[in-house]
């Protein structure tokens, strides 16, 4: 039986860069960056960082909680897109 290969949602070059930044930041610091830190990486004002984070969330690469500043979390789909496993992050 032929198994369907699930295609991952398309990311622009910039979205991929942000996803990689989130992973690298978390790997280095052991916690996720704040929206302000993401904005600094993007060289934007912190309010504009959402313009890059929201599409990642909508495409299933990122989840955000409401009750903390460091509220970003990469999903399994994000690790798959980056060709990593969560075990490699520990």
PDB file of N, CA and C in Angstrom:
ATOM      1  N   UNK A   1       0.849  -1.176   0.000  1.00  0.00           N
ATOM      2  CA  UNK A   1       0.000   0.000   0.000  1.00  0.00           C
ATOM      3  C   UNK A   1       0.897   1.242   0.000  1.00  0.00           C
ATOM      4  N   UNK A   2       0.559   2.207  -0.797  1.00  0.00           N
ATOM      5  CA  UNK A   2       1.323   3.447  -0.872  1.00  0.00           C
ATOM      6  C   UNK A   2       0.828   4.393   0.212  1.00  0.00           C
ATOM      7  N   UNK A   3       1.774   4.888   0.976  1.00  0.00           N
ATOM      8  CA  UNK A   3       1.440   5.798   2.071  1.00  0.00           C
ATOM      9  C   UNK A   3       1.546   7.237   1.589  1.00  0.00           C
ATOM     10  N   UNK A   4       0.561   8.046   1.925  1.00  0.00           N
ATOM     11  CA  UNK A   4       0.605   9.460   1.563  1.00  0.00           C
ATOM     12  C   UNK A   4       1.626  10.177   2.426  1.00  0.00           C
ATOM     13  N   UNK A   5       2.415  11.006   1.805  1.00  0.00           N
ATOM     14  CA  UNK A   5       3.363  11.828   2.540  1.00  0.00           C
ATOM     15  C   UNK A   5       2.701  13.174   2.779  1.00  0.00           C
ATOM     16  N   UNK A   6       2.571  13.530   4.035  1.00  0.00           N
ATOM     17  CA  UNK A   6       1.936  14.804   4.365  1.00  0.00           C
ATOM     18  C   UNK A   6       2.895  15.938   4.036  1.00  0.00           C
ATOM     19  N   UNK A   7       2.398  16.875   3.252  1.00  0.00           N
ATOM     20  CA  UNK A   7       3.212  18.035   2.914  1.00  0.00           C
ATOM     21  C   UNK A   7       3.055  19.080   4.013  1.00  0.00           C
ATOM     22  N   UNK A   8       4.180  19.588   4.459  1.00  0.00           N
ATOM     23  CA  UNK A   8       4.160  20.603   5.508  1.00  0.00           C
ATOM     24  C   UNK A   8       3.726  21.939   4.927  1.00  0.00           C
ATOM     25  N   UNK A   9       3.018  22.750   5.712  1.00  0.00           N
ATOM     26  CA  UNK A   9       2.600  24.071   5.227  1.00  0.00           C
ATOM     27  C   UNK A   9       3.801  24.908   4.776  1.00  0.00           C
ATOM     28  N   UNK A  10       3.614  25.612   3.675  1.00  0.00           N
ATOM     29  CA  UNK A  10       4.669  26.436   3.085  1.00  0.00           C
ATOM     30  C   UNK A  10       5.048  27.576   4.018  1.00  0.00           C
ATOM     31  N   UNK A  11       6.343  27.836   4.090  1.00  0.00           N
ATOM     32  CA  UNK A  11       6.858  28.988   4.825  1.00  0.00           C
ATOM     33  C   UNK A  11       7.692  29.843   3.886  1.00  0.00           C
ATOM     34  N   UNK A  12       7.555  31.143   4.044  1.00  0.00           N
ATOM     35  CA  UNK A  12       8.424  32.045   3.292  1.00  0.00           C
ATOM     36  C   UNK A  12       9.837  31.944   3.867  1.00  0.00           C
ATOM     37  N   UNK A  13      10.777  32.519   3.171  1.00  0.00           N
ATOM     38  CA  UNK A  13      12.159  32.518   3.654  1.00  0.00           C
ATOM     39  C   UNK A  13      12.253  33.216   5.016  1.00  0.00           C
ATOM     40  N   UNK A  14      11.535  34.307   5.156  1.00  0.00           N
ATOM     41  CA  UNK A  14      11.558  35.070   6.415  1.00  0.00           C
ATOM     42  C   UNK A  14      10.908  34.273   7.552  1.00  0.00           C
ATOM     43  N   UNK A  15       9.798  33.598   7.267  1.00  0.00           N
ATOM     44  CA  UNK A  15       9.142  32.778   8.285  1.00  0.00           C
ATOM     45  C   UNK A  15      10.050  31.633   8.728  1.00  0.00           C
ATOM     46  N   UNK A  16      10.745  31.036   7.777  1.00  0.00           N
ATOM     47  CA  UNK A  16      11.696  29.972   8.103  1.00  0.00           C
ATOM     48  C   UNK A  16      12.815  30.517   8.975  1.00  0.00           C
ATOM     49  N   UNK A  17      13.262  31.720   8.671  1.00  0.00           N
ATOM     50  CA  UNK A  17      14.305  32.370   9.459  1.00  0.00           C
ATOM     51  C   UNK A  17      13.838  32.604  10.897  1.00  0.00           C
ATOM     52  N   UNK A  18      12.609  33.042  11.061  1.00  0.00           N
ATOM     53  CA  UNK A  18      12.053  33.275  12.401  1.00  0.00           C
ATOM     54  C   UNK A  18      11.923  31.948  13.147  1.00  0.00           C
ATOM     55  N   UNK A  19      11.452  30.928  12.463  1.00  0.00           N
ATOM     56  CA  UNK A  19      11.319  29.612  13.079  1.00  0.00           C
ATOM     57  C   UNK A  19      12.679  29.102  13.552  1.00  0.00           C
ATOM     58  N   UNK A  20      13.685  29.255  12.715  1.00  0.00           N
ATOM     59  CA  UNK A  20      15.048  28.837  13.074  1.00  0.00           C
ATOM     60  C   UNK A  20      15.567  29.669  14.256  1.00  0.00           C
ATOM     61  N   UNK A  21      15.288  30.983  14.254  1.00  0.00           N
ATOM     62  CA  UNK A  21      15.693  31.841  15.376  1.00  0.00           C
ATOM     63  C   UNK A  21      15.074  31.349  16.679  1.00  0.00           C
ATOM     64  N   UNK A  22      13.781  31.035  16.651  1.00  0.00           N
ATOM     65  CA  UNK A  22      13.099  30.560  17.856  1.00  0.00           C
ATOM     66  C   UNK A  22      13.755  29.283  18.377  1.00  0.00           C
ATOM     67  N   UNK A  23      14.040  28.374  17.465  1.00  0.00           N
ATOM     68  CA  UNK A  23      14.687  27.123  17.864  1.00  0.00           C
ATOM     69  C   UNK A  23      16.082  27.382  18.440  1.00  0.00           C
ATOM     70  N   UNK A  24      16.878  28.172  17.731  1.00  0.00           N
ATOM     71  CA  UNK A  24      18.246  28.455  18.179  1.00  0.00           C
ATOM     72  C   UNK A  24      18.260  29.173  19.526  1.00  0.00           C
ATOM     73  N   UNK A  25      17.356  30.133  19.694  1.00  0.00           N
ATOM     74  CA  UNK A  25      17.270  30.881  20.953  1.00  0.00           C
ATOM     75  C   UNK A  25      16.946  29.929  22.107  1.00  0.00           C
ATOM     76  N   UNK A  26      15.939  29.073  21.870  1.00  0.00           N
ATOM     77  CA  UNK A  26      15.536  28.141  22.909  1.00  0.00           C
ATOM     78  C   UNK A  26      16.674  27.168  23.231  1.00  0.00           C
ATOM     79  N   UNK A  27      17.377  26.716  22.236  1.00  0.00           N
ATOM     80  CA  UNK A  27      18.490  25.790  22.451  1.00  0.00           C
ATOM     81  C   UNK A  27      19.597  26.429  23.278  1.00  0.00           C
ATOM     82  N   UNK A  28      19.846  27.688  23.026  1.00  0.00           N
ATOM     83  CA  UNK A  28      20.917  28.389  23.727  1.00  0.00           C
ATOM     84  C   UNK A  28      20.526  28.784  25.153  1.00  0.00           C
ATOM     85  N   UNK A  29      19.300  29.283  25.319  1.00  0.00           N
ATOM     86  CA  UNK A  29      18.883  29.841  26.609  1.00  0.00           C
ATOM     87  C   UNK A  29      18.027  28.907  27.460  1.00  0.00           C
ATOM     88  N   UNK A  30      17.513  27.856  26.853  1.00  0.00           N
ATOM     89  CA  UNK A  30      16.613  26.900  27.520  1.00  0.00           C
ATOM     90  C   UNK A  30      15.241  27.488  27.827  1.00  0.00           C
ATOM     91  N   UNK A  31      14.902  28.587  27.198  1.00  0.00           N
ATOM     92  CA  UNK A  31      13.554  29.150  27.253  1.00  0.00           C
ATOM     93  C   UNK A  31      13.351  29.947  25.974  1.00  0.00           C
ATOM     94  N   UNK A  32      12.095  30.212  25.661  1.00  0.00           N
ATOM     95  CA  UNK A  32      11.773  30.900  24.412  1.00  0.00           C
ATOM     96  C   UNK A  32      11.941  32.413  24.565  1.00  0.00           C
ATOM     97  N   UNK A  33      12.164  33.104  23.448  1.00  0.00           N
ATOM     98  CA  UNK A  33      12.300  34.561  23.504  1.00  0.00           C
ATOM     99  C   UNK A  33      10.952  35.237  23.729  1.00  0.00           C
ATOM    100  N   UNK A  34      11.006  36.461  24.208  1.00  0.00           N
ATOM    101  CA  UNK A  34       9.800  37.281  24.309  1.00  0.00           C
ATOM    102  C   UNK A  34       9.500  37.856  22.922  1.00  0.00           C
ATOM    103  N   UNK A  35       8.331  38.442  22.793  1.00  0.00           N
ATOM    104  CA  UNK A  35       7.977  39.090  21.527  1.00  0.00           C
ATOM    105  C   UNK A  35       8.957  40.218  21.218  1.00  0.00           C
ATOM    106  N   UNK A  36       9.397  40.916  22.243  1.00  0.00           N
ATOM    107  CA  UNK A  36      10.371  41.997  22.061  1.00  0.00           C
ATOM    108  C   UNK A  36      11.695  41.455  21.505  1.00  0.00           C
ATOM    109  N   UNK A  37      12.140  40.328  22.018  1.00  0.00           N
ATOM    110  CA  UNK A  37      13.387  39.728  21.535  1.00  0.00           C
ATOM    111  C   UNK A  37      13.250  39.242  20.093  1.00  0.00           C
ATOM    112  N   UNK A  38      12.085  38.735  19.753  1.00  0.00           N
ATOM    113  CA  UNK A  38      11.835  38.353  18.355  1.00  0.00           C
ATOM    114  C   UNK A  38      11.891  39.598  17.476  1.00  0.00           C
ATOM    115  N   UNK A  39      11.283  40.678  17.938  1.00  0.00           N
ATOM    116  CA  UNK A  39      11.297  41.938  17.183  1.00  0.00           C
ATOM    117  C   UNK A  39      12.720  42.453  16.999  1.00  0.00           C
ATOM    118  N   UNK A  40      13.541  42.341  18.029  1.00  0.00           N
ATOM    119  CA  UNK A  40      14.937  42.772  17.909  1.00  0.00           C
ATOM    120  C   UNK A  40      15.656  41.959  16.840  1.00  0.00           C
ATOM    121  N   UNK A  41      15.405  40.666  16.807  1.00  0.00           N
ATOM    122  CA  UNK A  41      15.996  39.814  15.777  1.00  0.00           C
ATOM    123  C   UNK A  41      15.558  40.271  14.384  1.00  0.00           C
ATOM    124  N   UNK A  42      14.281  40.620  14.268  1.00  0.00           N
ATOM    125  CA  UNK A  42      13.724  41.047  12.982  1.00  0.00           C
ATOM    126  C   UNK A  42      14.031  42.506  12.657  1.00  0.00           C
ATOM    127  N   UNK A  43      14.597  43.224  13.635  1.00  0.00           N
ATOM    128  CA  UNK A  43      14.868  44.656  13.496  1.00  0.00           C
ATOM    129  C   UNK A  43      13.573  45.441  13.270  1.00  0.00           C
ATOM    130  N   UNK A  44      12.575  45.108  14.109  1.00  0.00           N
ATOM    131  CA  UNK A  44      11.260  45.743  14.056  1.00  0.00           C
ATOM    132  C   UNK A  44      10.878  46.228  15.448  1.00  0.00           C
ATOM    133  N   UNK A  45       9.798  47.005  15.510  1.00  0.00           N
ATOM    134  CA  UNK A  45       9.204  47.351  16.800  1.00  0.00           C
ATOM    135  C   UNK A  45       8.482  46.108  17.316  1.00  0.00           C
ATOM    136  N   UNK A  46       8.396  45.982  18.638  1.00  0.00           N
ATOM    137  CA  UNK A  46       7.860  44.743  19.209  1.00  0.00           C
ATOM    138  C   UNK A  46       6.429  44.447  18.772  1.00  0.00           C
ATOM    139  N   UNK A  47       5.614  45.472  18.546  1.00  0.00           N
ATOM    140  CA  UNK A  47       4.244  45.233  18.084  1.00  0.00           C
ATOM    141  C   UNK A  47       4.214  44.572  16.713  1.00  0.00           C
ATOM    142  N   UNK A  48       5.210  44.841  15.893  1.00  0.00           N
ATOM    143  CA  UNK A  48       5.233  44.295  14.540  1.00  0.00           C
ATOM    144  C   UNK A  48       5.718  42.849  14.483  1.00  0.00           C
ATOM    145  N   UNK A  49       6.266  42.337  15.561  1.00  0.00           N
ATOM    146  CA  UNK A  49       6.719  40.940  15.588  1.00  0.00           C
ATOM    147  C   UNK A  49       5.548  39.991  15.371  1.00  0.00           C
ATOM    148  N   UNK A  50       4.370  40.384  15.807  1.00  0.00           N
ATOM    149  CA  UNK A  50       3.186  39.540  15.631  1.00  0.00           C
ATOM    150  C   UNK A  50       2.888  39.266  14.168  1.00  0.00           C
ATOM    151  N   UNK A  51       3.271  40.172  13.302  1.00  0.00           N
ATOM    152  CA  UNK A  51       3.050  39.971  11.865  1.00  0.00           C
ATOM    153  C   UNK A  51       3.819  38.755  11.350  1.00  0.00           C
ATOM    154  N   UNK A  52       4.882  38.376  12.039  1.00  0.00           N
ATOM    155  CA  UNK A  52       5.654  37.194  11.655  1.00  0.00           C
ATOM    156  C   UNK A  52       5.298  35.981  12.502  1.00  0.00           C
ATOM    157  N   UNK A  53       4.853  36.201  13.721  1.00  0.00           N
ATOM    158  CA  UNK A  53       4.512  35.090  14.602  1.00  0.00           C
ATOM    159  C   UNK A  53       3.121  34.524  14.306  1.00  0.00           C
ATOM    160  N   UNK A  54       2.176  35.376  13.981  1.00  0.00           N
ATOM    161  CA  UNK A  54       0.804  34.921  13.728  1.00  0.00           C
ATOM    162  C   UNK A  54       0.704  33.912  12.586  1.00  0.00           C
ATOM    163  N   UNK A  55       1.367  34.144  11.440  1.00  0.00           N
ATOM    164  CA  UNK A  55       1.299  33.136  10.375  1.00  0.00           C
ATOM    165  C   UNK A  55       1.899  31.789  10.796  1.00  0.00           C
ATOM    166  N   UNK A  56       2.950  31.816  11.603  1.00  0.00           N
ATOM    167  CA  UNK A  56       3.539  30.563  12.086  1.00  0.00           C
ATOM    168  C   UNK A  56       2.555  29.820  12.984  1.00  0.00           C
ATOM    169  N   UNK A  57       1.813  30.580  13.760  1.00  0.00           N
ATOM    170  CA  UNK A  57       0.794  29.982  14.623  1.00  0.00           C
ATOM    171  C   UNK A  57      -0.354  29.417  13.782  1.00  0.00           C
ATOM    172  N   UNK A  58      -0.818  30.168  12.809  1.00  0.00           N
ATOM    173  CA  UNK A  58      -1.925  29.724  11.954  1.00  0.00           C
ATOM    174  C   UNK A  58      -1.565  28.485  11.142  1.00  0.00           C
ATOM    175  N   UNK A  59      -0.299  28.369  10.767  1.00  0.00           N
ATOM    176  CA  UNK A  59       0.154  27.219   9.972  1.00  0.00           C
ATOM    177  C   UNK A  59       0.492  26.011  10.840  1.00  0.00           C
ATOM    178  N   UNK A  60       0.417  26.179  12.167  1.00  0.00           N
ATOM    179  CA  UNK A  60       0.613  25.059  13.077  1.00  0.00           C
ATOM    180  C   UNK A  60       2.034  24.834  13.547  1.00  0.00           C
ATOM    181  N   UNK A  61       2.917  25.793  13.322  1.00  0.00           N
ATOM    182  CA  UNK A  61       4.312  25.661  13.733  1.00  0.00           C
ATOM    183  C   UNK A  61       4.587  26.220  15.128  1.00  0.00           C
ATOM    184  N   UNK A  62       3.657  26.965  15.652  1.00  0.00           N
ATOM    185  CA  UNK A  62       3.876  27.697  16.889  1.00  0.00           C
ATOM    186  C   UNK A  62       2.571  27.766  17.666  1.00  0.00           C
ATOM    187  N   UNK A  63       2.659  27.649  18.978  1.00  0.00           N
ATOM    188  CA  UNK A  63       1.495  27.895  19.837  1.00  0.00           C
ATOM    189  C   UNK A  63       1.891  28.948  20.864  1.00  0.00           C
ATOM    190  N   UNK A  64       0.904  29.729  21.258  1.00  0.00           N
ATOM    191  CA  UNK A  64       1.139  30.785  22.252  1.00  0.00           C
ATOM    192  C   UNK A  64       0.151  30.623  23.397  1.00  0.00           C
ATOM    193  N   UNK A  65       0.649  30.803  24.598  1.00  0.00           N
ATOM    194  CA  UNK A  65      -0.241  30.834  25.759  1.00  0.00           C
ATOM    195  C   UNK A  65      -0.444  32.300  26.135  1.00  0.00           C
ATOM    196  N   UNK A  66      -1.451  32.553  26.933  1.00  0.00           N
ATOM    197  CA  UNK A  66      -1.809  33.942  27.219  1.00  0.00           C
ATOM    198  C   UNK A  66      -1.241  34.477  28.528  1.00  0.00           C
ATOM    199  N   UNK A  67      -0.739  33.622  29.372  1.00  0.00           N
ATOM    200  CA  UNK A  67      -0.467  34.049  30.739  1.00  0.00           C
ATOM    201  C   UNK A  67       1.006  34.216  31.089  1.00  0.00           C
ATOM    202  N   UNK A  68       1.845  34.373  30.107  1.00  0.00           N
ATOM    203  CA  UNK A  68       3.261  34.545  30.388  1.00  0.00           C
ATOM    204  C   UNK A  68       3.932  35.327  29.268  1.00  0.00           C
ATOM    205  N   UNK A  69       4.995  36.024  29.587  1.00  0.00           N
ATOM    206  CA  UNK A  69       5.726  36.790  28.567  1.00  0.00           C
ATOM    207  C   UNK A  69       6.409  35.867  27.565  1.00  0.00           C
ATOM    208  N   UNK A  70       6.987  34.809  28.054  1.00  0.00           N
ATOM    209  CA  UNK A  70       7.676  33.852  27.184  1.00  0.00           C
ATOM    210  C   UNK A  70       6.668  32.776  26.798  1.00  0.00           C
ATOM    211  N   UNK A  71       5.703  33.193  26.005  1.00  0.00           N
ATOM    212  CA  UNK A  71       4.533  32.368  25.749  1.00  0.00           C
ATOM    213  C   UNK A  71       4.583  31.596  24.436  1.00  0.00           C
ATOM    214  N   UNK A  72       5.736  31.480  23.828  1.00  0.00           N
ATOM    215  CA  UNK A  72       5.853  30.794  22.548  1.00  0.00           C
ATOM    216  C   UNK A  72       6.315  29.360  22.756  1.00  0.00           C
ATOM    217  N   UNK A  73       5.799  28.460  21.933  1.00  0.00           N
ATOM    218  CA  UNK A  73       6.235  27.071  21.988  1.00  0.00           C
ATOM    219  C   UNK A  73       6.202  26.497  20.577  1.00  0.00           C
ATOM    220  N   UNK A  74       7.295  25.880  20.181  1.00  0.00           N
ATOM    221  CA  UNK A  74       7.347  25.230  18.877  1.00  0.00           C
ATOM    222  C   UNK A  74       6.562  23.926  18.943  1.00  0.00           C
ATOM    223  N   UNK A  75       5.872  23.601  17.856  1.00  0.00           N
ATOM    224  CA  UNK A  75       5.102  22.366  17.788  1.00  0.00           C
ATOM    225  C   UNK A  75       5.941  21.268  17.142  1.00  0.00           C
ATOM    226  N   UNK A  76       5.417  20.050  17.176  1.00  0.00           N
ATOM    227  CA  UNK A  76       6.091  18.937  16.504  1.00  0.00           C
ATOM    228  C   UNK A  76       6.260  19.231  15.017  1.00  0.00           C
ATOM    229  N   UNK A  77       5.282  19.914  14.437  1.00  0.00           N
ATOM    230  CA  UNK A  77       5.353  20.285  13.025  1.00  0.00           C
ATOM    231  C   UNK A  77       6.553  21.196  12.758  1.00  0.00           C
ATOM    232  N   UNK A  78       6.838  22.095  13.689  1.00  0.00           N
ATOM    233  CA  UNK A  78       7.996  22.988  13.549  1.00  0.00           C
ATOM    234  C   UNK A  78       9.290  22.196  13.567  1.00  0.00           C
ATOM    235  N   UNK A  79       9.393  21.245  14.498  1.00  0.00           N
ATOM    236  CA  UNK A  79      10.600  20.414  14.559  1.00  0.00           C
ATOM    237  C   UNK A  79      10.751  19.599  13.277  1.00  0.00           C
ATOM    238  N   UNK A  80       9.635  19.110  12.773  1.00  0.00           N
ATOM    239  CA  UNK A  80       9.674  18.353  11.520  1.00  0.00           C
ATOM    240  C   UNK A  80      10.137  19.248  10.376  1.00  0.00           C
ATOM    241  N   UNK A  81       9.626  20.454  10.325  1.00  0.00           N
ATOM    242  CA  UNK A  81      10.017  21.396   9.271  1.00  0.00           C
ATOM    243  C   UNK A  81      11.509  21.708   9.356  1.00  0.00           C
ATOM    244  N   UNK A  82      12.019  21.801  10.557  1.00  0.00           N
ATOM    245  CA  UNK A  82      13.440  22.090  10.755  1.00  0.00           C
ATOM    246  C   UNK A  82      14.285  20.816  10.705  1.00  0.00           C
ATOM    247  N   UNK A  83      13.628  19.679  10.417  1.00  0.00           N
ATOM    248  CA  UNK A  83      14.297  18.373  10.355  1.00  0.00           C
ATOM    249  C   UNK A  83      14.965  18.011  11.669  1.00  0.00           C
ATOM    250  N   UNK A  84      14.278  18.274  12.754  1.00  0.00           N
ATOM    251  CA  UNK A  84      14.783  17.977  14.086  1.00  0.00           C
ATOM    252  C   UNK A  84      13.753  17.149  14.826  1.00  0.00           C
ATOM    253  N   UNK A  85      14.179  16.549  15.895  1.00  0.00           N
ATOM    254  CA  UNK A  85      13.233  15.923  16.805  1.00  0.00           C
ATOM    255  C   UNK A  85      13.316  16.669  18.120  1.00  0.00           C
ATOM    256  N   UNK A  86      12.283  16.583  18.909  1.00  0.00           N
ATOM    257  CA  UNK A  86      12.300  17.279  20.191  1.00  0.00           C
ATOM    258  C   UNK A  86      13.417  16.757  21.079  1.00  0.00           C
ATOM    259  N   UNK A  87      13.811  15.517  20.910  1.00  0.00           N
ATOM    260  CA  UNK A  87      14.896  14.970  21.726  1.00  0.00           C
ATOM    261  C   UNK A  87      16.207  15.699  21.480  1.00  0.00           C
ATOM    262  N   UNK A  88      16.386  16.237  20.301  1.00  0.00           N
ATOM    263  CA  UNK A  88      17.610  16.963  19.988  1.00  0.00           C
ATOM    264  C   UNK A  88      17.659  18.314  20.687  1.00  0.00           C
ATOM    265  N   UNK A  89      16.542  18.770  21.225  1.00  0.00           N
ATOM    266  CA  UNK A  89      16.514  20.074  21.881  1.00  0.00           C
ATOM    267  C   UNK A  89      16.903  19.978  23.345  1.00  0.00           C
ATOM    268  N   UNK A  90      16.955  18.774  23.871  1.00  0.00           N
ATOM    269  CA  UNK A  90      17.234  18.611  25.304  1.00  0.00           C
ATOM    270  C   UNK A  90      18.699  18.386  25.571  1.00  0.00           C
TER     271      UNK A  90
END
